[in-house]
Amino acid sequence: MRKTLNVKRLSSSKVSDLMNRWLFDPETITNGNTIEYPDDVDRPKTRGDCVGGLRPCPFVSCEFNLYLDVNPENGAIKINFPLLEVWELSETCALDVADAHPDGAPLPVVAASMGLSYDRTFQVVDEAKDHAKDVAIARGDDDGPWAREQRKAKREQREVEARMAKKKQRREP
């Protein structure tokens, strides 16, 4: 059974105020009005602690919470869903999304979970692949995840080309 946490809704002026600027500290997010968690709620320390915990997850400072992102370079906070409150999100934890899709979440699910367009999701995936490639090359890892992904992509491309060639042969008299 999932527990829920009732939290007061921000006024529309506060929401628009948050949407129109970068936020640099947790105090700015709440505009000075901090929300106290009930005494009986302990902050989870491991995945096992949070699996059966509060949903939607109120711990937005957790690195796996989908409500906001923190830029590691300058500490700026970006709210991924500026028109929604934390408790209005269908999914608040990236780990919950991963658990729901053990073979990998489809890109539309990833896009919706992160508040990105479908096209931007492709760009992020490409950036991640490039990063994995750079790391593999730097380590001299010829059989790492990037190399396996490249072999899989080449194999799929050959299969597509073979199917296209067969279709072309059937069309020609």
Protein backbone atom coordinates (compact mmCIF):
# COMPACT_ATOMS: atom_id res chain seq x y z
CA MET A 1 0.00 0.00 0.00
CA ARG A 2 1.37 3.39 -0.99
CA LYS A 3 1.42 6.23 1.47
CA THR A 4 0.72 9.74 0.25
CA LEU A 5 1.84 13.06 1.64
CA ASN A 6 -0.52 16.02 1.60
CA VAL A 7 1.28 19.24 0.77
CA LYS A 8 -0.10 22.76 0.29
CA ARG A 9 -0.37 23.90 -3.36
CA LEU A 10 1.64 26.94 -4.52
CA SER A 11 -0.26 29.96 -5.76
CA SER A 12 -0.16 30.72 -9.48
CA SER A 13 2.04 33.79 -8.89
CA LYS A 14 4.64 31.62 -7.12
CA VAL A 15 4.51 29.05 -9.95
CA SER A 16 5.08 31.70 -12.62
CA ASP A 17 7.83 33.19 -10.47
CA LEU A 18 9.54 29.79 -10.36
CA MET A 19 9.08 29.21 -14.10
CA ASN A 20 10.75 32.48 -15.09
CA ARG A 21 14.12 32.07 -13.36
CA TRP A 22 16.88 29.65 -12.50
CA LEU A 23 16.88 28.51 -8.92
CA PHE A 24 20.13 28.24 -7.03
CA ASP A 25 19.25 26.88 -3.62
CA PRO A 26 16.51 24.81 -1.98
CA GLU A 27 15.37 27.86 0.00
CA THR A 28 14.49 29.62 -3.27
CA ILE A 29 12.31 26.73 -4.41
CA THR A 30 10.04 27.01 -1.41
CA ASN A 31 10.26 30.80 -1.36
CA GLY A 32 11.17 30.60 2.31
CA ASN A 33 8.19 28.37 3.16
CA THR A 34 9.79 25.04 3.96
CA ILE A 35 7.71 21.90 4.17
CA GLU A 36 8.27 19.78 7.24
CA TYR A 37 8.01 16.03 6.80
CA PRO A 38 6.02 14.19 9.45
CA ASP A 39 8.11 12.87 12.35
CA ASP A 40 7.40 9.27 11.39
CA VAL A 41 8.88 9.69 7.88
CA ASP A 42 12.56 8.77 7.62
CA ARG A 43 14.52 9.78 4.55
CA PRO A 44 15.41 6.59 2.61
CA LYS A 45 19.10 5.73 2.48
CA THR A 46 18.97 2.76 0.07
CA ARG A 47 16.72 1.61 -2.78
CA GLY A 48 15.30 -1.03 -0.48
CA ASP A 49 14.20 1.71 1.93
CA CYS A 50 12.32 3.67 -0.73
CA VAL A 51 10.66 0.88 -2.77
CA GLY A 52 7.59 0.76 -0.54
CA GLY A 53 7.87 4.40 0.53
CA LEU A 54 5.84 7.48 -0.16
CA ARG A 55 4.54 7.89 -3.72
CA PRO A 56 4.74 10.33 -5.31
CA CYS A 57 8.16 10.67 -3.75
CA PRO A 58 8.46 13.95 -1.83
CA PHE A 59 12.27 13.79 -1.65
CA VAL A 60 13.06 16.05 -4.63
CA SER A 61 16.70 16.36 -3.54
CA CYS A 62 17.24 12.67 -4.34
CA GLU A 63 19.32 12.27 -7.50
CA PHE A 64 16.72 9.86 -8.94
CA ASN A 65 13.72 12.16 -8.44
CA LEU A 66 12.37 13.32 -11.80
CA TYR A 67 10.86 16.60 -10.61
CA LEU A 68 14.03 18.66 -10.86
CA ASP A 69 17.62 18.49 -12.08
CA VAL A 70 20.67 20.13 -10.55
CA ASN A 71 23.45 21.30 -12.85
CA PRO A 72 26.67 19.78 -11.42
CA GLU A 73 28.82 22.62 -12.79
CA ASN A 74 27.08 25.63 -11.26
CA GLY A 75 24.44 24.17 -8.94
CA ALA A 76 21.54 25.68 -10.86
CA ILE A 77 18.22 23.92 -10.37
CA LYS A 78 15.90 23.25 -13.33
CA ILE A 79 12.33 22.22 -12.67
CA ASN A 80 11.44 19.61 -15.32
CA PHE A 81 7.68 20.00 -14.92
CA PRO A 82 7.08 23.70 -14.12
CA LEU A 83 3.30 23.49 -14.54
CA LEU A 84 2.94 20.52 -12.17
CA GLU A 85 3.56 20.02 -8.50
CA VAL A 86 5.53 17.02 -7.25
CA TRP A 87 2.39 15.21 -6.14
CA GLU A 88 0.78 15.68 -9.57
CA LEU A 89 3.46 13.69 -11.45
CA SER A 90 2.55 10.18 -12.58
CA GLU A 91 6.14 9.01 -11.93
CA THR A 92 8.57 10.76 -9.59
CA CYS A 93 11.42 8.24 -9.38
CA ALA A 94 13.69 7.16 -12.22
CA LEU A 95 14.31 3.90 -10.36
CA ASP A 96 10.57 3.14 -10.35
CA VAL A 97 10.51 3.64 -14.12
CA ALA A 98 13.53 1.33 -14.50
CA ASP A 99 11.89 -1.31 -12.28
CA ALA A 100 8.72 -1.16 -14.36
CA HIS A 101 10.73 -1.81 -17.56
CA PRO A 102 13.47 -4.35 -16.76
CA ASP A 103 14.42 -4.77 -20.43
CA GLY A 104 14.71 -1.02 -20.91
CA ALA A 105 12.02 1.61 -21.12
CA PRO A 106 10.81 2.61 -24.59
CA LEU A 107 11.91 6.11 -25.62
CA PRO A 108 8.37 7.58 -25.40
CA VAL A 109 8.21 6.45 -21.75
CA VAL A 110 11.64 7.94 -21.06
CA ALA A 111 10.64 11.18 -22.79
CA ALA A 112 7.44 11.51 -20.77
CA SER A 113 9.19 10.63 -17.51
CA MET A 114 11.87 13.27 -18.00
CA GLY A 115 9.66 16.00 -19.46
CA LEU A 116 11.49 15.92 -22.79
CA SER A 117 10.30 15.78 -26.36
CA TYR A 118 10.75 12.54 -28.25
CA ASP A 119 13.42 14.15 -30.47
CA ARG A 120 15.35 15.54 -27.50
CA THR A 121 15.33 12.06 -25.98
CA PHE A 122 17.12 10.76 -29.10
CA GLN A 123 19.70 13.53 -28.70
CA VAL A 124 20.30 12.63 -25.05
CA VAL A 125 20.71 8.95 -25.98
CA ASP A 126 23.22 9.91 -28.70
CA GLU A 127 25.15 12.07 -26.21
CA ALA A 128 25.23 9.15 -23.75
CA LYS A 129 26.51 6.82 -26.48
CA ASP A 130 29.24 9.31 -27.43
CA HIS A 131 30.25 9.58 -23.79
CA ALA A 132 30.36 5.78 -23.43
CA LYS A 133 32.47 5.61 -26.59
CA ASP A 134 34.95 8.20 -25.27
CA VAL A 135 35.25 6.36 -21.95
CA ALA A 136 35.75 3.00 -23.70
CA ILE A 137 38.42 4.42 -26.00
CA ALA A 138 40.20 6.11 -23.08
CA ARG A 139 40.29 2.80 -21.19
CA GLY A 140 41.24 0.77 -24.26
CA ASP A 141 38.12 -1.31 -23.73
CA ASP A 142 37.42 -2.97 -27.10
CA ASP A 143 34.68 -5.17 -25.72
CA GLY A 144 32.82 -2.66 -23.52
CA PRO A 145 29.18 -1.59 -23.80
CA TRP A 146 29.93 0.91 -26.56
CA ALA A 147 31.66 -1.70 -28.74
CA ARG A 148 28.79 -4.17 -28.22
CA GLU A 149 26.28 -1.46 -29.11
CA GLN A 150 28.20 -0.65 -32.28
CA ARG A 151 28.32 -4.31 -33.33
CA LYS A 152 24.59 -4.64 -32.67
CA ALA A 153 23.85 -1.49 -34.72
CA LYS A 154 25.96 -2.76 -37.65
CA ARG A 155 24.23 -6.16 -37.51
CA GLU A 156 20.80 -4.51 -37.53
CA GLN A 157 21.85 -2.27 -40.43
CA ARG A 158 23.00 -5.29 -42.47
CA GLU A 159 19.64 -7.02 -41.76
CA VAL A 160 17.72 -3.96 -42.94
CA GLU A 161 19.83 -3.69 -46.08
CA ALA A 162 19.30 -7.40 -46.80
CA ARG A 163 15.51 -7.02 -46.45
CA MET A 164 15.55 -3.98 -48.73
CA ALA A 165 17.59 -5.88 -51.35
CA LYS A 166 15.11 -8.80 -51.27
CA LYS A 167 12.17 -6.42 -51.72
CA LYS A 168 13.94 -4.76 -54.63
CA GLN A 169 14.61 -8.15 -56.29
CA ARG A 170 10.93 -9.14 -55.96
CA ARG A 171 9.81 -5.91 -57.66
CA GLU A 172 12.13 -6.34 -60.64
CA PRO A 173 10.85 -8.73 -63.35
